[in-house]
Amino acid sequence: MSNRTNPVAPLWRSASALLITLVVALAGCGGGGDSAEPAPASDPRETSVTAASMLRWAGPGVDGVAITAVTPAADGGLWVAGAEGGLEGRPFLRKVGGAAPNPCGDGLRFLSEISGRFERRQGITSMTSVRDGAFYLSFQGPGTVFVARYLESTCAIDGGFGDQGVVAVPVSGLAAPTGLLIERDRTDGVLVATIFAGVAELRRLTPQAQWDLAFGQEGVAASPANYAFGLSRMATATNGDILLSGHVSIPFAFAPAILKLDAHGAVVSGFGTGGVQLYPELSIGTADAGSMVVEADRIVFNANTAASVTLDDIVTYDSVVGAADLKTGRLLPDFGTGGFLRWDWGYANSNMVGPLLPNGRGGYTTCGHVIKSFVAGQPAALVDVTASGNADASVPYQGRRLIAQTDSAQCAGLARLPDGRLAAAINDGGQAVVMFFDR
């Protein structure tokens, strides 16, 4: 972990430079000295990247608008999902860019077929990729979790799917779910994970809106009972295996972990111990594994780690990108240092990484945010890591740069478009921002 820098140091250096400049200027007025003005102090951590194009919009009231998921459109545009207006807000879809005429119109399309049908807010929690002209959205509201299918051509719900486009997710005798995640499988189905405190239940939904009863045990694959497992993300391998990242509860903290199931929902016993591989090496106290890129022989994944649960997202937060063997789950020693790259930004806090995807140059890009200080703000940030697990030296500073025009931000999504451009969805001070960066 790198040494941390006093968050007021950049301001002090700037003030010192200004004072010296004024002194030199006054001396020049009094006697005409020919000393050159000193160069202003610079901080390499301030290296930033500016989007080639950007769309920013706000919602009504103090709650504003927030993006929760994005996915590339088939025509080169970007599908954006989210909600406007806080807890009682309305879910929306928005199509940004693309070669085809926008089926959603020029602005947002509020999902009245959802908000008008169910009591109170039904928030969009995740979104699948587009396949066969359709994508899926997961919704969670008070006592309700369900999946809906939407058509690219119309920006509208597929009324022929399930019950008017919606399939309710069963909740089997546990407490109220704390989350819902969906992901395409490697055939034609959708993996649906219902998250409870310490338990994840995974089901498979067919394109015919039926729950696959051959999946897992009578249709349900649960995280192993001997672990209190918290789910963060899902991904699939080319052979259909399913990877679930998150954390396992340990005394007074969490250990980052990945659970592996086969395509039928059975635990892959050769992966880790009983299908779960823990990564205590990544943690400086408590940690959580997140977004994953699954390759032919390895899993590249990111994690965030804090000194303690109580200091989470305030101080002593580092970011990690690691690589593990796809078959065994063990860290690959030739990636980074001992299997991972850890960094912070040297501010009062560090970058907290979120989505991760290939960068088109053999390495990986992740998106997150940097808490510089409670005064200086929280810009969004991009980070590039090489295929061997090192900071990408071709991208200053140390593979990392702040995203210009963001200052109270969190990264909500990241997508690589067919033409190579990078799209980032950012929630910035109650406003939604979609940025496009050149290749």
Protein backbone atom coordinates (compact mmCIF):
# COMPACT_ATOMS: atom_id res chain seq x y z
CA MET A 1 0.00 0.00 0.00
CA SER A 2 1.44 3.36 -0.96
CA ASN A 3 2.03 6.17 1.49
CA ARG A 4 -0.88 8.49 1.98
CA THR A 5 -0.72 12.22 1.38
CA ASN A 6 -2.26 14.92 3.51
CA PRO A 7 -5.39 16.00 1.58
CA VAL A 8 -4.67 19.68 2.23
CA ALA A 9 -1.14 19.44 0.78
CA PRO A 10 -2.17 20.27 -2.82
CA LEU A 11 -4.05 23.34 -1.58
CA TRP A 12 -1.05 24.43 0.53
CA ARG A 13 1.33 24.04 -2.41
CA SER A 14 -1.00 26.08 -4.61
CA ALA A 15 -1.27 28.81 -1.99
CA SER A 16 2.52 28.86 -1.57
CA ALA A 17 3.05 29.16 -5.31
CA LEU A 18 0.57 32.05 -5.48
CA LEU A 19 2.33 33.86 -2.62
CA ILE A 20 5.74 33.52 -4.30
CA THR A 21 4.28 34.77 -7.57
CA LEU A 22 2.87 37.87 -5.88
CA VAL A 23 6.17 38.62 -4.14
CA VAL A 24 8.10 38.37 -7.41
CA ALA A 25 5.56 40.55 -9.18
CA LEU A 26 5.78 43.27 -6.50
CA ALA A 27 9.55 43.16 -6.62
CA GLY A 28 9.42 43.64 -10.36
CA CYS A 29 7.20 46.71 -9.99
CA GLY A 30 9.57 48.26 -7.46
CA GLY A 31 12.94 47.81 -9.16
CA GLY A 32 12.52 45.93 -12.40
CA GLY A 33 14.12 42.58 -11.53
CA ASP A 34 14.29 40.02 -14.36
CA SER A 35 13.64 36.84 -12.33
CA ALA A 36 11.24 34.42 -13.99
CA GLU A 37 8.04 33.44 -12.21
CA PRO A 38 8.26 29.98 -10.64
CA ALA A 39 6.29 27.22 -12.33
CA PRO A 40 3.06 26.42 -10.50
CA ALA A 41 3.15 23.28 -8.39
CA SER A 42 1.65 20.25 -10.10
CA ASP A 43 0.26 17.03 -8.70
CA PRO A 44 0.53 14.02 -11.02
CA ARG A 45 -2.48 12.45 -9.34
CA GLU A 46 -4.59 15.20 -10.93
CA THR A 47 -4.05 13.65 -14.38
CA SER A 48 -7.50 13.55 -15.92
CA VAL A 49 -9.31 12.34 -19.00
CA THR A 50 -12.06 14.25 -20.78
CA ALA A 51 -14.92 12.55 -22.56
CA ALA A 52 -15.22 12.94 -26.32
CA SER A 53 -18.96 13.45 -25.83
CA MET A 54 -21.27 13.56 -22.85
CA LEU A 55 -24.95 13.56 -21.97
CA ARG A 56 -25.95 14.92 -18.55
CA TRP A 57 -29.46 15.29 -17.20
CA ALA A 58 -31.17 16.01 -13.90
CA GLY A 59 -34.38 14.85 -12.29
CA PRO A 60 -36.92 16.84 -10.30
CA GLY A 61 -36.53 17.63 -6.61
CA VAL A 62 -33.68 16.92 -4.26
CA ASP A 63 -33.56 13.19 -5.02
CA GLY A 64 -32.63 13.76 -8.65
CA VAL A 65 -31.98 10.87 -11.00
CA ALA A 66 -29.69 7.83 -10.82
CA ILE A 67 -28.44 5.25 -13.32
CA THR A 68 -28.37 1.66 -12.08
CA ALA A 69 -27.35 -0.35 -15.18
CA VAL A 70 -26.11 -0.05 -18.76
CA THR A 71 -25.59 -2.46 -21.64
CA PRO A 72 -24.46 -1.96 -25.27
CA ALA A 73 -27.19 -1.79 -27.90
CA ALA A 74 -26.97 -3.91 -31.04
CA ASP A 75 -26.67 -0.79 -33.26
CA GLY A 76 -23.68 0.67 -31.41
CA GLY A 77 -25.60 2.76 -28.91
CA LEU A 78 -26.06 2.30 -25.18
CA TRP A 79 -29.09 1.22 -23.17
CA VAL A 80 -29.33 3.05 -19.85
CA ALA A 81 -31.67 2.10 -17.00
CA GLY A 82 -32.33 3.84 -13.72
CA ALA A 83 -34.85 5.75 -11.66
CA GLU A 84 -35.92 9.32 -11.13
CA GLY A 85 -37.13 10.75 -7.85
CA GLY A 86 -35.71 8.61 -5.04
CA LEU A 87 -37.55 5.89 -3.12
CA GLU A 88 -40.90 6.71 -4.64
CA GLY A 89 -39.40 7.44 -8.04
CA ARG A 90 -40.13 6.10 -11.47
CA PRO A 91 -37.95 3.57 -13.31
CA PHE A 92 -36.80 4.59 -16.79
CA LEU A 93 -35.09 3.40 -19.95
CA ARG A 94 -33.01 5.61 -22.19
CA LYS A 95 -31.27 4.80 -25.47
CA VAL A 96 -28.17 6.93 -26.06
CA GLY A 97 -26.58 7.04 -29.51
CA GLY A 98 -26.62 4.22 -32.04
CA ALA A 99 -27.22 3.97 -35.79
CA ALA A 100 -30.94 3.12 -35.66
CA PRO A 101 -33.70 5.65 -34.88
CA ASN A 102 -34.25 5.90 -31.15
CA PRO A 103 -37.33 3.82 -30.22
CA CYS A 104 -37.55 5.59 -26.84
CA GLY A 105 -37.93 9.04 -28.36
CA ASP A 106 -35.63 11.94 -27.58
CA GLY A 107 -35.81 11.68 -23.80
CA LEU A 108 -36.47 9.14 -21.09
CA ARG A 109 -39.14 6.52 -21.37
CA PHE A 110 -40.67 6.08 -17.94
CA LEU A 111 -41.83 2.51 -17.39
CA SER A 112 -45.46 3.17 -16.56
CA GLU A 113 -46.22 -0.50 -17.22
CA ILE A 114 -44.16 -1.16 -14.09
CA SER A 115 -44.72 1.87 -11.85
CA GLY A 116 -48.47 1.87 -12.55
CA ARG A 117 -48.89 -1.83 -11.97
CA PHE A 118 -47.05 -2.38 -8.70
CA GLU A 119 -47.46 -0.58 -5.43
CA ARG A 120 -44.76 2.00 -4.68
CA ARG A 121 -41.30 2.11 -6.20
CA GLN A 122 -39.94 -0.86 -8.13
CA GLY A 123 -36.25 -0.11 -8.58
CA ILE A 124 -34.18 -1.57 -11.43
CA THR A 125 -31.33 -3.55 -9.91
CA SER A 126 -29.51 -5.02 -12.94
CA MET A 127 -29.67 -5.53 -16.68
CA THR A 128 -28.53 -8.26 -19.09
CA SER A 129 -26.82 -7.95 -22.44
CA VAL A 130 -28.88 -7.81 -25.64
CA ARG A 131 -29.53 -11.09 -27.45
CA ASP A 132 -32.06 -11.90 -30.17
CA GLY A 133 -33.38 -8.34 -30.05
CA ALA A 134 -34.22 -8.35 -26.34
CA PHE A 135 -32.75 -7.75 -22.90
CA TYR A 136 -33.94 -8.32 -19.34
CA LEU A 137 -34.30 -6.01 -16.36
CA SER A 138 -34.59 -7.07 -12.73
CA PHE A 139 -36.78 -5.09 -10.33
CA GLN A 140 -37.02 -5.02 -6.57
CA GLY A 141 -39.61 -3.23 -4.46
CA PRO A 142 -41.33 -3.65 -1.10
CA GLY A 143 -41.85 -7.41 -0.83
CA THR A 144 -41.57 -7.88 -4.58
CA VAL A 145 -38.80 -9.13 -6.88
CA PHE A 146 -39.32 -9.87 -10.57
CA VAL A 147 -37.72 -10.01 -14.01
CA ALA A 148 -39.07 -8.27 -17.12
CA ARG A 149 -38.17 -8.71 -20.78
CA TYR A 150 -37.82 -5.64 -23.06
CA LEU A 151 -37.58 -5.38 -26.85
CA GLU A 152 -34.84 -3.32 -28.50
CA SER A 153 -36.96 -2.39 -31.48
CA THR A 154 -39.71 -0.72 -29.44
CA CYS A 155 -38.13 0.23 -26.08
CA ALA A 156 -41.21 -1.49 -24.65
CA ILE A 157 -41.92 -4.50 -22.50
CA ASP A 158 -42.48 -7.82 -24.27
CA GLY A 159 -46.13 -8.45 -23.47
CA GLY A 160 -45.89 -12.07 -24.61
CA PHE A 161 -43.33 -12.93 -21.96
CA GLY A 162 -44.69 -14.30 -18.69
CA ASP A 163 -47.49 -12.25 -17.15
CA GLN A 164 -47.66 -9.14 -19.36
CA GLY A 165 -43.88 -9.12 -19.69
CA VAL A 166 -43.07 -9.94 -16.07
CA VAL A 167 -42.05 -13.10 -14.16
CA ALA A 168 -42.10 -13.01 -10.36
CA VAL A 169 -39.04 -14.44 -8.61
CA PRO A 170 -39.94 -17.03 -5.94
CA VAL A 171 -38.84 -16.24 -2.39
CA SER A 172 -38.58 -19.48 -0.42
CA GLY A 173 -39.25 -18.91 3.25
CA LEU A 174 -36.27 -16.66 3.92
CA ALA A 175 -36.30 -13.07 5.15
CA ALA A 176 -36.93 -10.25 2.69
CA PRO A 177 -34.27 -10.22 -0.06
CA THR A 178 -31.58 -7.57 0.10
CA GLY A 179 -30.78 -7.65 -3.61
CA LEU A 180 -31.44 -9.17 -7.03
CA LEU A 181 -28.92 -9.80 -9.83
CA ILE A 182 -29.42 -11.16 -13.34
CA GLU A 183 -26.93 -12.34 -15.97
CA ARG A 184 -27.16 -14.17 -19.30
CA ASP A 185 -26.06 -17.78 -19.27
CA ARG A 186 -24.08 -19.28 -22.15
CA THR A 187 -27.15 -20.73 -23.90
CA ASP A 188 -30.47 -18.94 -24.06
CA GLY A 189 -31.45 -18.48 -20.43
CA VAL A 190 -31.12 -15.88 -17.69
CA LEU A 191 -29.49 -16.53 -14.33
CA VAL A 192 -31.43 -14.87 -11.51
CA ALA A 193 -29.78 -14.52 -8.10
CA THR A 194 -31.87 -13.50 -5.10
CA ILE A 195 -29.68 -12.19 -2.29
CA PHE A 196 -30.48 -12.58 1.39
CA ALA A 197 -28.36 -11.91 4.48
CA GLY A 198 -25.56 -14.47 4.17
CA VAL A 199 -27.29 -16.57 1.49
CA ALA A 200 -27.66 -16.36 -2.29
CA GLU A 201 -30.28 -18.35 -4.20
CA LEU A 202 -29.66 -18.85 -7.92
CA ARG A 203 -32.31 -19.87 -10.47
CA ARG A 204 -32.43 -20.17 -14.25
CA LEU A 205 -35.20 -18.51 -16.24
CA THR A 206 -35.91 -19.79 -19.76
CA PRO A 207 -36.90 -17.58 -22.74
CA GLN A 208 -40.35 -19.16 -22.39
CA ALA A 209 -40.67 -17.49 -18.97
CA GLN A 210 -40.38 -20.79 -17.08
CA TRP A 211 -38.16 -21.59 -14.12
CA ASP A 212 -35.79 -24.41 -15.06
CA LEU A 213 -36.56 -27.13 -12.49
CA ALA A 214 -33.54 -29.16 -13.65
CA PHE A 215 -31.22 -26.42 -12.43
CA GLY A 216 -29.64 -26.95 -9.00
CA GLN A 217 -31.88 -28.82 -6.57
CA GLU A 218 -35.47 -28.66 -7.84
CA GLY A 219 -34.72 -25.37 -9.56
CA VAL A 220 -32.60 -23.65 -6.90
CA ALA A 221 -28.83 -23.52 -6.39
CA ALA A 222 -27.94 -21.98 -3.02
CA SER A 223 -24.58 -20.83 -1.73
CA PRO A 224 -22.97 -23.46 0.55
CA ALA A 225 -24.54 -23.61 4.00
CA ASN A 226 -21.17 -23.64 5.75
CA TYR A 227 -20.42 -20.11 4.51
CA ALA A 228 -22.24 -16.86 5.22
CA PHE A 229 -21.86 -15.74 1.61
CA GLY A 230 -22.56 -12.21 0.37
CA LEU A 231 -23.03 -11.93 -3.40
CA SER A 232 -21.72 -8.98 -5.45
CA ARG A 233 -21.47 -10.03 -9.12
CA MET A 234 -22.04 -12.94 -11.53
CA ALA A 235 -20.22 -14.09 -14.65
CA THR A 236 -20.11 -17.18 -16.86
CA ALA A 237 -17.35 -19.21 -18.50
CA THR A 238 -17.40 -20.48 -22.09
CA ASN A 239 -18.33 -23.99 -20.93
CA GLY A 240 -21.33 -22.62 -19.03
CA ASP A 241 -19.78 -22.64 -15.55
CA ILE A 242 -21.09 -19.88 -13.29
CA LEU A 243 -18.89 -17.66 -11.10
CA LEU A 244 -20.34 -15.73 -8.15
CA SER A 245 -18.10 -13.13 -6.48
CA GLY A 246 -18.56 -11.47 -3.12
CA HIS A 247 -17.43 -12.14 0.42
CA VAL A 248 -17.62 -14.65 3.23
CA SER A 249 -18.29 -13.50 6.77
CA ILE A 250 -15.40 -14.05 9.17
CA PRO A 251 -15.07 -12.76 12.73
CA PHE A 252 -15.46 -8.97 12.71
CA ALA A 253 -14.78 -8.69 8.96
CA PHE A 254 -15.35 -10.12 5.47
CA ALA A 255 -12.99 -12.18 3.31
CA PRO A 256 -13.24 -11.75 -0.48
CA ALA A 257 -14.47 -14.93 -2.14
CA ILE A 258 -15.59 -16.53 -5.42
CA LEU A 259 -18.07 -19.43 -5.66
CA LYS A 260 -18.11 -21.67 -8.73
CA LEU A 261 -21.07 -23.70 -10.01
CA ASP A 262 -21.39 -25.73 -13.18
CA ALA A 263 -23.93 -24.91 -15.89
CA HIS A 264 -26.54 -27.05 -14.10
CA GLY A 265 -26.16 -25.28 -10.76
CA ALA A 266 -24.03 -27.88 -8.97
CA VAL A 267 -21.07 -26.79 -6.87
CA VAL A 268 -17.71 -27.42 -8.58
CA SER A 269 -15.94 -29.17 -5.70
CA GLY A 270 -12.43 -28.86 -7.20
CA PHE A 271 -12.64 -25.08 -7.06
CA GLY A 272 -11.29 -23.80 -3.73
CA THR A 273 -12.79 -25.71 -0.80
CA GLY A 274 -16.27 -27.02 -1.49
CA GLY A 275 -16.63 -24.70 -4.46
CA VAL A 276 -15.62 -21.52 -2.60
CA GLN A 277 -12.18 -19.92 -2.87
CA LEU A 278 -11.24 -17.30 -0.27
CA TYR A 279 -8.69 -14.56 -0.94
CA PRO A 280 -7.42 -13.28 2.43
CA GLU A 281 -4.26 -12.01 0.68
CA LEU A 282 -6.28 -9.22 -0.91
CA SER A 283 -7.55 -7.80 2.35
CA ILE A 284 -5.98 -5.17 4.60
CA GLY A 285 -8.75 -5.87 7.11
CA THR A 286 -12.06 -6.49 5.39
CA ALA A 287 -12.77 -6.85 1.68
CA ASP A 288 -15.24 -7.80 -1.04
CA ALA A 289 -14.62 -9.28 -4.51
CA GLY A 290 -16.55 -7.64 -7.33
CA SER A 291 -16.67 -7.47 -11.11
CA MET A 292 -15.10 -10.34 -13.08
CA VAL A 293 -13.71 -10.98 -16.56
CA VAL A 294 -13.72 -14.74 -17.23
CA GLU A 295 -11.13 -15.89 -19.75
CA ALA A 296 -10.12 -19.28 -21.15
CA ASP A 297 -8.00 -20.23 -18.15
CA ARG A 298 -8.36 -17.52 -15.53
CA ILE A 299 -10.67 -15.12 -13.74
CA VAL A 300 -9.57 -11.49 -13.53
CA PHE A 301 -11.53 -9.68 -10.84
CA ASN A 302 -11.43 -6.55 -8.76
CA ALA A 303 -11.93 -5.97 -5.06
CA ASN A 304 -12.09 -3.15 -2.53
CA THR A 305 -10.50 -3.50 0.88
CA ALA A 306 -10.66 -1.38 4.02
CA ALA A 307 -8.81 -1.46 7.33
CA SER A 308 -12.05 -2.22 9.16
CA VAL A 309 -15.78 -2.46 8.69
CA THR A 310 -16.38 0.70 10.74
CA LEU A 311 -14.03 2.77 8.55
CA ASP A 312 -15.51 1.49 5.30
CA ASP A 313 -15.59 4.26 2.62
CA ILE A 314 -14.09 6.89 4.95
CA VAL A 315 -10.35 6.24 5.20
CA THR A 316 -7.77 3.49 4.57
CA TYR A 317 -9.49 2.09 1.49
CA ASP A 318 -7.44 0.36 -1.22
CA SER A 319 -8.34 -1.12 -4.59
CA VAL A 320 -7.26 -4.49 -5.96
CA VAL A 321 -7.25 -6.31 -9.30
CA GLY A 322 -6.39 -10.01 -9.01
CA ALA A 323 -6.22 -13.07 -11.26
CA ALA A 324 -7.14 -16.62 -10.27
CA ASP A 325 -6.90 -19.98 -12.00
CA LEU A 326 -10.28 -20.78 -13.53
CA LYS A 327 -10.04 -24.45 -12.58
CA THR A 328 -8.77 -24.26 -8.99
CA GLY A 329 -9.54 -20.69 -7.95
CA ARG A 330 -6.03 -20.12 -6.63
CA LEU A 331 -4.31 -16.80 -7.28
CA LEU A 332 -1.86 -16.86 -10.22
CA PRO A 333 1.55 -15.82 -8.89
CA ASP A 334 2.74 -14.32 -12.20
CA PHE A 335 -0.08 -11.74 -12.18
CA GLY A 336 0.96 -8.54 -10.41
CA THR A 337 2.72 -9.35 -7.15
CA GLY A 338 1.69 -12.76 -5.89
CA GLY A 339 -1.51 -12.74 -7.93
CA PHE A 340 -2.79 -9.19 -7.55
CA LEU A 341 -2.15 -5.46 -7.91
CA ARG A 342 -3.12 -3.21 -5.01
CA TRP A 343 -3.08 0.57 -5.00
CA ASP A 344 -4.41 3.72 -3.45
CA TRP A 345 -4.25 7.29 -4.71
CA GLY A 346 -2.52 8.82 -1.71
CA TYR A 347 -5.42 11.14 -0.94
CA ALA A 348 -7.51 10.91 2.21
CA ASN A 349 -9.03 7.89 0.50
CA SER A 350 -8.44 5.79 -2.58
CA ASN A 351 -10.18 4.77 -5.74
CA MET A 352 -13.04 2.33 -5.14
CA VAL A 353 -13.34 0.14 -8.20
CA GLY A 354 -16.59 -1.09 -9.71
CA PRO A 355 -17.18 -2.47 -13.23
CA LEU A 356 -14.27 -4.24 -14.96
CA LEU A 357 -13.87 -5.13 -18.65
CA PRO A 358 -11.19 -5.77 -21.30
CA ASN A 359 -9.63 -2.55 -22.57
CA GLY A 360 -8.96 -3.76 -26.12
CA ARG A 361 -5.17 -3.67 -25.64
CA GLY A 362 -4.86 -6.99 -23.83
CA GLY A 363 -5.41 -5.48 -20.40
CA TYR A 364 -8.39 -4.27 -18.39
CA THR A 365 -10.22 -1.07 -17.51
CA THR A 366 -12.12 -0.50 -14.30
CA CYS A 367 -14.22 2.47 -13.25
CA GLY A 368 -14.78 3.85 -9.78
CA HIS A 369 -14.36 7.01 -7.74
CA VAL A 370 -11.75 8.77 -5.64
CA ILE A 371 -12.53 10.46 -2.35
CA LYS A 372 -9.92 13.22 -2.41
CA SER A 373 -11.30 14.83 0.74
CA PHE A 374 -14.65 15.95 2.11
CA VAL A 375 -13.76 19.45 0.86
CA ALA A 376 -12.10 18.66 -2.48
CA GLY A 377 -14.84 16.26 -3.58
CA GLN A 378 -15.21 12.82 -5.10
CA PRO A 379 -14.49 12.59 -8.84
CA ALA A 380 -15.10 9.46 -10.88
CA ALA A 381 -12.00 7.69 -12.16
CA LEU A 382 -10.74 5.17 -14.72
CA VAL A 383 -7.95 2.68 -14.08
CA ASP A 384 -6.06 0.54 -16.62
CA VAL A 385 -4.18 -2.63 -15.68
CA THR A 386 -2.01 -4.69 -18.03
CA ALA A 387 -2.59 -8.36 -18.83
CA SER A 388 0.26 -9.23 -16.45
CA GLY A 389 -1.30 -7.36 -13.56
CA ASN A 390 0.75 -4.19 -13.54
CA ALA A 391 -0.27 -0.55 -13.66
CA ASP A 392 -0.57 0.44 -17.33
CA ALA A 393 2.41 2.79 -17.79
CA SER A 394 0.99 4.10 -21.07
CA VAL A 395 -1.80 5.76 -19.09
CA PRO A 396 -0.78 8.45 -16.59
CA TYR A 397 -0.89 8.58 -13.60
CA GLN A 398 0.20 4.93 -12.97
CA GLY A 399 -2.64 3.68 -15.15
CA ARG A 400 -5.13 5.92 -13.38
CA ARG A 401 -6.81 9.21 -14.20
CA LEU A 402 -9.70 11.23 -12.87
CA ILE A 403 -12.69 11.88 -15.11
CA ALA A 404 -13.01 15.59 -15.81
CA GLN A 405 -16.35 17.32 -15.12
CA THR A 406 -17.24 15.02 -12.21
CA ASP A 407 -16.91 16.02 -8.57
CA SER A 408 -19.53 14.22 -6.48
CA ALA A 409 -19.57 10.99 -8.38
CA GLN A 410 -19.88 7.24 -8.36
CA CYS A 411 -19.43 4.98 -11.37
CA ALA A 412 -22.67 3.16 -12.17
CA GLY A 413 -21.64 1.20 -15.25
CA LEU A 414 -18.99 0.63 -17.91
CA ALA A 415 -19.38 -0.75 -21.43
CA ARG A 416 -17.17 -1.34 -24.46
CA LEU A 417 -19.04 -0.47 -27.66
CA PRO A 418 -18.57 -2.38 -30.94
CA ASP A 419 -16.51 0.47 -32.45
CA GLY A 420 -14.06 0.32 -29.54
CA ARG A 421 -15.26 3.38 -27.64
CA LEU A 422 -15.64 3.21 -23.88
CA ALA A 423 -18.95 4.29 -22.34
CA ALA A 424 -19.16 5.17 -18.65
CA ALA A 425 -22.35 5.82 -16.70
CA ILE A 426 -21.84 8.07 -13.69
CA ASN A 427 -24.12 9.38 -10.97
CA ASP A 428 -22.86 12.84 -10.11
CA GLY A 429 -24.52 14.86 -7.37
CA GLY A 430 -28.08 13.76 -8.17
CA GLN A 431 -27.54 14.02 -11.92
CA ALA A 432 -27.07 11.20 -14.42
CA VAL A 433 -24.09 11.35 -16.79
CA VAL A 434 -23.24 9.17 -19.78
CA MET A 435 -19.73 9.74 -21.15
CA PHE A 436 -18.12 8.34 -24.28
CA PHE A 437 -14.34 8.07 -24.55
CA ASP A 438 -12.39 7.48 -27.74
CA ARG A 439 -10.53 4.21 -28.22
